[in-house]
N, C-alpha and C. Protein backbone atom coordinates (compact mmCIF):
# COMPACT_ATOMS: atom_id res chain seq x y z
N MET A 1 -17.92 -1.60 -7.67
CA MET A 1 -17.10 -0.97 -6.62
C MET A 1 -16.17 -0.08 -7.35
N SER A 2 -15.99 1.11 -6.86
CA SER A 2 -15.06 2.03 -7.54
C SER A 2 -14.40 2.87 -6.49
N GLU A 3 -13.26 2.48 -6.01
CA GLU A 3 -12.64 3.21 -4.96
C GLU A 3 -11.12 3.24 -5.30
N THR A 4 -10.49 4.29 -5.00
CA THR A 4 -9.10 4.54 -5.42
C THR A 4 -8.35 4.97 -4.21
N PHE A 5 -7.17 4.33 -3.89
CA PHE A 5 -6.33 4.59 -2.72
C PHE A 5 -4.80 4.76 -3.13
N TYR A 6 -4.15 5.47 -2.50
CA TYR A 6 -2.69 5.66 -2.64
C TYR A 6 -1.97 5.09 -1.44
N LEU A 7 -0.97 4.23 -1.73
CA LEU A 7 -0.14 3.71 -0.53
C LEU A 7 1.19 3.28 -1.16
N MET A 8 2.23 3.78 -0.51
CA MET A 8 3.60 3.45 -0.74
C MET A 8 4.02 3.47 -2.23
N GLY A 9 3.66 4.60 -2.86
CA GLY A 9 4.03 4.79 -4.30
C GLY A 9 3.17 4.00 -5.21
N MET A 10 2.03 3.64 -4.77
CA MET A 10 1.12 2.93 -5.67
C MET A 10 -0.31 3.55 -5.65
N ILE A 11 -0.92 3.77 -6.80
CA ILE A 11 -2.33 4.15 -6.91
C ILE A 11 -3.07 2.85 -7.23
N MET A 12 -4.04 2.49 -6.36
CA MET A 12 -4.78 1.22 -6.45
C MET A 12 -6.24 1.50 -6.65
N ASP A 13 -6.86 0.92 -7.70
CA ASP A 13 -8.26 0.90 -7.93
C ASP A 13 -8.84 -0.41 -7.46
N PHE A 14 -9.80 -0.36 -6.64
CA PHE A 14 -10.48 -1.60 -6.11
C PHE A 14 -11.61 -1.91 -7.03
N HIS A 15 -11.58 -3.18 -7.52
CA HIS A 15 -12.51 -3.73 -8.53
C HIS A 15 -13.53 -4.65 -7.90
N SER A 16 -13.18 -5.17 -6.70
CA SER A 16 -14.11 -6.14 -6.06
C SER A 16 -13.88 -5.98 -4.51
N SER A 17 -14.89 -6.53 -3.85
CA SER A 17 -14.76 -6.53 -2.38
C SER A 17 -14.73 -8.01 -1.89
N SER A 18 -13.77 -8.26 -0.95
CA SER A 18 -13.65 -9.67 -0.50
C SER A 18 -14.97 -9.97 0.35
N LYS A 19 -15.61 -9.05 0.95
CA LYS A 19 -16.88 -9.41 1.71
C LYS A 19 -17.96 -9.76 0.73
N GLU A 20 -18.10 -9.02 -0.40
CA GLU A 20 -19.13 -9.27 -1.27
C GLU A 20 -18.94 -10.38 -2.29
N ASP A 21 -17.60 -10.55 -2.75
CA ASP A 21 -17.32 -11.34 -3.82
C ASP A 21 -16.39 -12.62 -3.48
N GLY A 22 -15.89 -12.65 -2.23
CA GLY A 22 -15.14 -13.75 -1.93
C GLY A 22 -13.66 -13.70 -2.34
N TYR A 23 -13.36 -12.49 -3.02
CA TYR A 23 -11.92 -12.28 -3.39
C TYR A 23 -11.75 -10.79 -3.53
N PHE A 24 -10.50 -10.30 -3.54
CA PHE A 24 -10.21 -8.96 -3.71
C PHE A 24 -9.38 -8.75 -4.95
N LEU A 25 -9.88 -7.86 -5.90
CA LEU A 25 -9.10 -7.64 -7.15
C LEU A 25 -8.82 -6.14 -7.15
N CYS A 26 -7.62 -5.65 -7.37
CA CYS A 26 -7.33 -4.30 -7.61
C CYS A 26 -6.23 -4.22 -8.72
N SER A 27 -6.33 -3.02 -9.49
CA SER A 27 -5.33 -2.64 -10.36
C SER A 27 -4.42 -1.76 -9.65
N ALA A 28 -3.06 -1.68 -9.90
CA ALA A 28 -2.19 -0.89 -9.31
C ALA A 28 -1.22 -0.28 -10.34
N ILE A 29 -0.98 1.07 -10.18
CA ILE A 29 -0.02 1.72 -10.86
C ILE A 29 1.15 2.00 -9.86
N LEU A 30 2.37 1.55 -10.25
CA LEU A 30 3.48 1.79 -9.28
C LEU A 30 4.44 2.79 -9.88
N SER A 31 4.79 3.79 -9.12
CA SER A 31 5.83 4.80 -9.58
C SER A 31 7.16 3.98 -9.55
N SER A 32 8.13 4.57 -10.19
CA SER A 32 9.39 3.98 -10.30
C SER A 32 10.08 3.79 -8.86
N GLY A 33 10.44 2.54 -8.54
CA GLY A 33 10.97 2.26 -7.26
C GLY A 33 9.95 1.78 -6.19
N ALA A 34 8.68 1.99 -6.50
CA ALA A 34 7.71 1.64 -5.49
C ALA A 34 7.44 0.13 -5.46
N GLY A 35 6.92 -0.33 -4.28
CA GLY A 35 6.59 -1.71 -4.15
C GLY A 35 6.19 -2.03 -2.69
N ALA A 36 6.23 -3.34 -2.44
CA ALA A 36 5.88 -3.75 -1.11
C ALA A 36 7.08 -4.42 -0.49
N PRO A 37 7.23 -4.17 0.88
CA PRO A 37 8.46 -4.83 1.59
C PRO A 37 8.18 -6.26 1.77
N PRO A 38 9.27 -7.03 2.08
CA PRO A 38 8.97 -8.54 2.37
C PRO A 38 7.96 -8.72 3.40
N ASN A 39 7.10 -9.57 2.92
CA ASN A 39 5.96 -9.90 3.75
C ASN A 39 5.38 -11.36 3.58
N ARG A 40 4.56 -11.84 4.51
CA ARG A 40 3.93 -13.15 4.36
C ARG A 40 2.53 -13.07 5.06
N HIS A 41 1.63 -14.00 4.58
CA HIS A 41 0.31 -14.08 5.06
C HIS A 41 -0.12 -15.53 4.88
N MET A 42 -0.73 -16.07 5.90
CA MET A 42 -1.15 -17.49 5.87
C MET A 42 -2.58 -17.66 5.22
N ASN A 43 -3.38 -16.56 5.36
CA ASN A 43 -4.79 -16.76 4.98
C ASN A 43 -5.14 -16.08 3.66
N ASP A 44 -4.23 -15.46 2.92
CA ASP A 44 -4.70 -14.92 1.49
C ASP A 44 -3.63 -15.61 0.55
N GLN A 45 -4.33 -16.08 -0.55
CA GLN A 45 -3.43 -16.51 -1.75
C GLN A 45 -3.31 -15.21 -2.47
N GLU A 46 -2.15 -14.92 -3.02
CA GLU A 46 -1.86 -13.67 -3.74
C GLU A 46 -1.21 -13.96 -5.13
N SER A 47 -1.74 -13.20 -6.10
CA SER A 47 -1.26 -13.43 -7.46
C SER A 47 -1.23 -12.08 -8.07
N PHE A 48 -0.19 -11.96 -9.05
CA PHE A 48 -0.02 -10.68 -9.73
C PHE A 48 0.05 -10.91 -11.19
N PHE A 49 -0.45 -9.98 -12.07
CA PHE A 49 -0.45 -10.03 -13.58
C PHE A 49 0.09 -8.67 -13.97
N VAL A 50 1.28 -8.66 -14.55
CA VAL A 50 1.94 -7.46 -14.92
C VAL A 50 1.38 -7.03 -16.33
N GLN A 51 0.87 -5.77 -16.29
CA GLN A 51 0.22 -5.27 -17.52
C GLN A 51 1.16 -4.21 -18.22
N LYS A 52 2.08 -3.61 -17.60
CA LYS A 52 2.87 -2.65 -18.17
C LYS A 52 4.20 -2.41 -17.32
N GLY A 53 5.32 -2.30 -18.05
CA GLY A 53 6.56 -2.07 -17.26
C GLY A 53 7.24 -3.30 -16.81
N GLN A 54 8.12 -3.17 -15.79
CA GLN A 54 8.97 -4.27 -15.30
C GLN A 54 8.94 -4.20 -13.78
N ILE A 55 8.51 -5.31 -13.21
CA ILE A 55 8.42 -5.48 -11.78
C ILE A 55 9.25 -6.57 -11.26
N GLU A 56 10.09 -6.34 -10.28
CA GLU A 56 10.89 -7.42 -9.79
C GLU A 56 10.20 -8.05 -8.53
N PHE A 57 9.95 -9.28 -8.49
CA PHE A 57 9.34 -10.06 -7.52
C PHE A 57 10.36 -10.86 -6.82
N THR A 58 10.25 -10.99 -5.54
CA THR A 58 11.01 -12.01 -4.76
C THR A 58 10.02 -12.93 -4.15
N VAL A 59 10.03 -14.21 -4.44
CA VAL A 59 9.16 -15.09 -3.87
C VAL A 59 10.00 -16.29 -3.33
N GLY A 60 10.04 -16.38 -1.90
CA GLY A 60 11.00 -17.23 -1.15
C GLY A 60 12.36 -16.79 -1.61
N ASN A 61 13.10 -17.76 -2.13
CA ASN A 61 14.44 -17.56 -2.61
C ASN A 61 14.69 -17.23 -3.94
N GLU A 62 13.49 -17.09 -4.74
CA GLU A 62 13.47 -16.91 -6.13
C GLU A 62 13.26 -15.43 -6.53
N THR A 63 14.04 -14.86 -7.52
CA THR A 63 13.76 -13.49 -7.98
C THR A 63 13.25 -13.66 -9.40
N ILE A 64 12.12 -12.99 -9.61
CA ILE A 64 11.49 -13.05 -10.96
C ILE A 64 11.43 -11.56 -11.54
N LEU A 65 12.04 -11.39 -12.63
CA LEU A 65 11.80 -10.07 -13.27
C LEU A 65 10.72 -10.24 -14.28
N ALA A 66 9.48 -9.78 -13.93
CA ALA A 66 8.25 -9.85 -14.68
C ALA A 66 8.03 -8.67 -15.49
N VAL A 67 7.59 -8.90 -16.73
CA VAL A 67 7.24 -7.80 -17.75
C VAL A 67 5.75 -8.07 -18.17
N GLN A 68 5.35 -7.22 -19.05
CA GLN A 68 3.95 -7.24 -19.55
C GLN A 68 3.54 -8.66 -19.87
N GLY A 69 2.39 -9.10 -19.47
CA GLY A 69 1.91 -10.38 -19.71
C GLY A 69 2.35 -11.48 -18.86
N GLN A 70 3.22 -11.30 -17.93
CA GLN A 70 3.66 -12.30 -17.07
C GLN A 70 2.77 -12.27 -15.81
N PHE A 71 2.61 -13.56 -15.22
CA PHE A 71 1.80 -13.91 -14.03
C PHE A 71 2.69 -14.50 -12.96
N VAL A 72 2.55 -13.93 -11.73
CA VAL A 72 3.39 -14.45 -10.65
C VAL A 72 2.45 -14.78 -9.47
N LYS A 73 2.58 -16.05 -9.07
CA LYS A 73 1.67 -16.62 -8.06
C LYS A 73 2.55 -16.79 -6.76
N VAL A 74 1.96 -16.30 -5.56
CA VAL A 74 2.79 -16.40 -4.32
C VAL A 74 1.91 -17.46 -3.45
N PRO A 75 2.61 -18.59 -3.16
CA PRO A 75 1.88 -19.55 -2.20
C PRO A 75 1.61 -18.85 -0.79
N ARG A 76 0.48 -19.36 -0.23
CA ARG A 76 0.19 -18.88 1.19
C ARG A 76 1.44 -19.08 2.08
N GLY A 77 1.78 -18.15 2.96
CA GLY A 77 2.75 -18.27 3.94
C GLY A 77 4.21 -18.04 3.35
N GLU A 78 4.38 -17.92 1.99
CA GLU A 78 5.67 -17.59 1.53
C GLU A 78 6.08 -16.12 1.60
N VAL A 79 7.27 -15.87 1.99
CA VAL A 79 7.82 -14.55 2.05
C VAL A 79 8.03 -13.96 0.71
N HIS A 80 7.47 -12.85 0.39
CA HIS A 80 7.55 -12.25 -0.94
C HIS A 80 7.58 -10.75 -0.87
N SER A 81 8.09 -10.14 -1.87
CA SER A 81 8.11 -8.63 -2.07
C SER A 81 8.02 -8.36 -3.56
N PHE A 82 7.80 -7.04 -3.85
CA PHE A 82 7.88 -6.73 -5.41
C PHE A 82 8.31 -5.18 -5.30
N ARG A 83 8.88 -4.85 -6.47
CA ARG A 83 9.33 -3.41 -6.68
C ARG A 83 9.35 -3.08 -8.16
N ASN A 84 8.91 -1.99 -8.52
CA ASN A 84 9.08 -1.46 -9.91
C ASN A 84 10.46 -1.12 -10.11
N THR A 85 11.16 -1.81 -10.91
CA THR A 85 12.63 -1.63 -11.23
C THR A 85 12.88 -0.74 -12.47
N SER A 86 11.72 -0.31 -13.12
CA SER A 86 11.96 0.49 -14.37
C SER A 86 11.99 1.92 -13.92
N GLY A 87 12.36 2.69 -14.89
CA GLY A 87 12.53 4.21 -14.68
C GLY A 87 11.06 4.95 -14.99
N GLU A 88 10.03 4.12 -15.21
CA GLU A 88 8.71 4.79 -15.51
C GLU A 88 7.70 3.97 -14.73
N ASP A 89 6.42 4.42 -14.79
CA ASP A 89 5.37 3.81 -14.05
C ASP A 89 5.20 2.38 -14.65
N ALA A 90 4.83 1.40 -13.68
CA ALA A 90 4.43 0.07 -14.07
C ALA A 90 2.93 -0.15 -13.59
N GLU A 91 2.36 -1.17 -14.21
CA GLU A 91 0.97 -1.43 -13.86
C GLU A 91 0.81 -2.95 -13.75
N MET A 92 -0.08 -3.32 -12.80
CA MET A 92 -0.40 -4.66 -12.65
C MET A 92 -1.76 -4.96 -11.96
N LEU A 93 -2.26 -6.07 -12.17
CA LEU A 93 -3.44 -6.53 -11.46
C LEU A 93 -2.99 -7.34 -10.14
N ILE A 94 -3.60 -7.11 -9.05
CA ILE A 94 -3.31 -7.90 -7.81
C ILE A 94 -4.64 -8.67 -7.41
N LEU A 95 -4.46 -9.98 -7.33
CA LEU A 95 -5.70 -10.78 -6.89
C LEU A 95 -5.31 -11.44 -5.55
N ASN A 96 -6.32 -11.27 -4.50
CA ASN A 96 -6.05 -11.87 -3.27
C ASN A 96 -7.36 -12.72 -3.01
N VAL A 97 -7.15 -14.02 -2.47
CA VAL A 97 -8.29 -14.78 -2.17
C VAL A 97 -8.02 -15.40 -0.82
N PRO A 98 -8.86 -15.21 0.18
CA PRO A 98 -10.20 -14.54 0.06
C PRO A 98 -10.07 -13.02 -0.01
N GLY A 99 -9.00 -12.46 0.46
CA GLY A 99 -8.63 -11.04 0.17
C GLY A 99 -8.89 -10.01 1.26
N SER A 100 -9.55 -10.39 2.26
CA SER A 100 -9.91 -9.39 3.36
C SER A 100 -8.67 -8.83 4.02
N ILE A 101 -7.47 -9.56 4.08
CA ILE A 101 -6.35 -9.08 4.67
C ILE A 101 -5.86 -7.77 3.87
N HIS A 102 -5.60 -8.03 2.60
CA HIS A 102 -5.16 -6.91 1.77
C HIS A 102 -6.13 -5.77 1.67
N GLU A 103 -7.38 -6.08 1.41
CA GLU A 103 -8.31 -5.03 1.25
C GLU A 103 -8.29 -4.13 2.47
N ASN A 104 -8.38 -4.79 3.75
CA ASN A 104 -8.41 -3.98 5.05
C ASN A 104 -7.13 -3.19 5.12
N VAL A 105 -5.96 -3.78 4.90
CA VAL A 105 -4.70 -3.09 5.04
C VAL A 105 -4.62 -1.85 4.06
N PHE A 106 -4.94 -2.06 2.74
CA PHE A 106 -4.84 -1.04 1.81
C PHE A 106 -5.83 0.11 2.12
N ARG A 107 -7.13 -0.23 2.64
CA ARG A 107 -8.10 0.71 2.99
C ARG A 107 -7.70 1.50 4.18
N THR A 108 -7.18 0.79 5.25
CA THR A 108 -6.88 1.44 6.47
C THR A 108 -5.52 2.36 6.38
N CYS A 109 -4.52 1.85 5.68
CA CYS A 109 -3.25 2.49 5.58
C CYS A 109 -3.14 3.45 4.48
N GLY A 110 -3.92 3.29 3.48
CA GLY A 110 -3.90 4.09 2.21
C GLY A 110 -4.50 5.41 2.39
N THR A 111 -4.30 6.31 1.44
CA THR A 111 -4.88 7.64 1.38
C THR A 111 -6.02 7.51 0.31
N LYS A 112 -7.17 7.88 0.63
CA LYS A 112 -8.34 7.74 -0.37
C LYS A 112 -8.21 8.84 -1.33
N LEU A 113 -8.32 8.52 -2.61
CA LEU A 113 -8.32 9.48 -3.69
C LEU A 113 -9.61 9.49 -4.28
N ALA A 114 -9.86 10.48 -5.24
CA ALA A 114 -11.13 10.50 -6.10
C ALA A 114 -11.11 9.15 -6.91
N PRO A 115 -12.23 8.54 -7.14
CA PRO A 115 -12.28 7.31 -7.90
C PRO A 115 -11.75 7.54 -9.33
N GLY A 116 -10.80 6.62 -9.64
CA GLY A 116 -10.20 6.60 -10.97
C GLY A 116 -9.03 7.76 -11.00
N SER A 117 -8.71 8.30 -10.01
CA SER A 117 -7.62 9.35 -10.03
C SER A 117 -6.25 8.77 -10.54
N ARG A 118 -5.54 9.53 -11.34
CA ARG A 118 -4.27 9.09 -11.78
C ARG A 118 -3.19 10.15 -11.43
N GLU A 119 -3.59 11.02 -10.44
CA GLU A 119 -2.72 12.13 -10.00
C GLU A 119 -2.03 11.62 -8.83
N TRP A 120 -0.62 11.71 -8.81
CA TRP A 120 0.20 11.32 -7.62
C TRP A 120 -0.09 12.39 -6.54
N PRO A 121 -0.44 12.00 -5.31
CA PRO A 121 -0.62 12.99 -4.24
C PRO A 121 0.82 13.85 -4.00
N LYS A 122 0.46 15.13 -3.89
CA LYS A 122 1.61 15.99 -3.56
C LYS A 122 1.17 16.89 -2.43
N PRO A 123 1.95 16.97 -1.41
CA PRO A 123 3.05 16.20 -1.13
C PRO A 123 2.72 14.69 -0.87
N GLU A 124 3.64 13.82 -1.03
CA GLU A 124 3.33 12.41 -0.71
C GLU A 124 2.89 12.20 0.73
N PRO A 125 1.83 11.50 0.97
CA PRO A 125 1.44 11.35 2.41
C PRO A 125 2.49 10.70 3.30
N GLU A 126 2.64 11.20 4.43
CA GLU A 126 3.70 10.59 5.42
C GLU A 126 3.06 9.31 5.85
N LEU A 127 3.92 8.34 6.07
CA LEU A 127 3.50 6.95 6.41
C LEU A 127 4.47 6.56 7.60
N ASP A 128 3.85 6.26 8.71
CA ASP A 128 4.56 5.73 9.89
C ASP A 128 4.56 4.21 9.70
N MET A 129 5.76 3.61 9.35
CA MET A 129 5.88 2.27 8.94
C MET A 129 5.70 1.29 10.26
N ALA A 130 5.98 1.79 11.43
CA ALA A 130 5.66 1.03 12.61
C ALA A 130 4.24 0.86 12.80
N TRP A 131 3.37 1.98 12.57
CA TRP A 131 1.93 1.83 12.56
C TRP A 131 1.42 0.89 11.48
N VAL A 132 2.02 0.97 10.28
CA VAL A 132 1.53 0.08 9.13
C VAL A 132 1.84 -1.27 9.56
N ALA A 133 2.95 -1.60 10.21
CA ALA A 133 3.31 -2.95 10.57
C ALA A 133 2.32 -3.47 11.57
N ARG A 134 1.91 -2.66 12.52
CA ARG A 134 0.88 -3.05 13.58
C ARG A 134 -0.42 -3.38 12.93
N VAL A 135 -0.95 -2.39 12.00
CA VAL A 135 -2.14 -2.71 11.22
C VAL A 135 -2.06 -4.03 10.52
N CYS A 136 -0.95 -4.28 9.82
CA CYS A 136 -0.76 -5.49 9.08
C CYS A 136 -0.76 -6.62 9.98
N ALA A 137 -0.14 -6.69 11.14
CA ALA A 137 -0.08 -7.74 11.99
C ALA A 137 -1.51 -8.02 12.54
N ASP A 138 -2.25 -6.98 12.81
CA ASP A 138 -3.69 -7.16 13.29
C ASP A 138 -4.55 -7.89 12.24
N GLU A 139 -4.21 -7.66 10.98
CA GLU A 139 -4.94 -8.37 9.86
C GLU A 139 -4.39 -9.68 9.60
N GLY A 140 -3.18 -10.05 10.09
CA GLY A 140 -2.72 -11.30 9.72
C GLY A 140 -1.58 -11.39 8.61
N LEU A 141 -1.02 -10.11 8.28
CA LEU A 141 -0.08 -9.90 7.44
C LEU A 141 1.21 -9.55 8.13
N GLU A 142 2.23 -10.31 8.03
CA GLU A 142 3.48 -10.08 8.76
C GLU A 142 4.53 -9.39 7.84
N ILE A 143 4.92 -8.12 8.22
CA ILE A 143 6.06 -7.58 7.47
C ILE A 143 7.40 -8.21 7.98
N VAL A 144 8.20 -8.71 7.10
CA VAL A 144 9.38 -9.41 7.37
C VAL A 144 10.60 -8.53 7.09
N SER A 145 11.27 -8.16 8.05
CA SER A 145 12.48 -7.25 7.85
C SER A 145 13.84 -8.05 7.73
């Protein structure tokens, strides 16, 4: 599988399909300040492996400043968020099991790019966060404000 999507300051390469493989794995490049808002999901286990840069994770009441080589696991149902807190791009792997929630949200809400693209879309695609929240809710992912 080779698909690339842009969403909320992240370029994501899809490496597996939840439907075919039973899990969803993608690599993500995060621009400075990019990340995911507080959210939770009961049906996907989510884990992150930081490959480059510095990413701040909030998992429940804990804040984790993760750097290259660090692994962050989010228990099902736990409120969590992340953000690239460095002044440069950061990179990480994201693993979701079984993964259909995240794969469907990224595919539906993201902007498809050429496979393997590393070019930030210009202008940045407009994103209606109310619509994103509805898509997420339909998939079983709750945006927590």
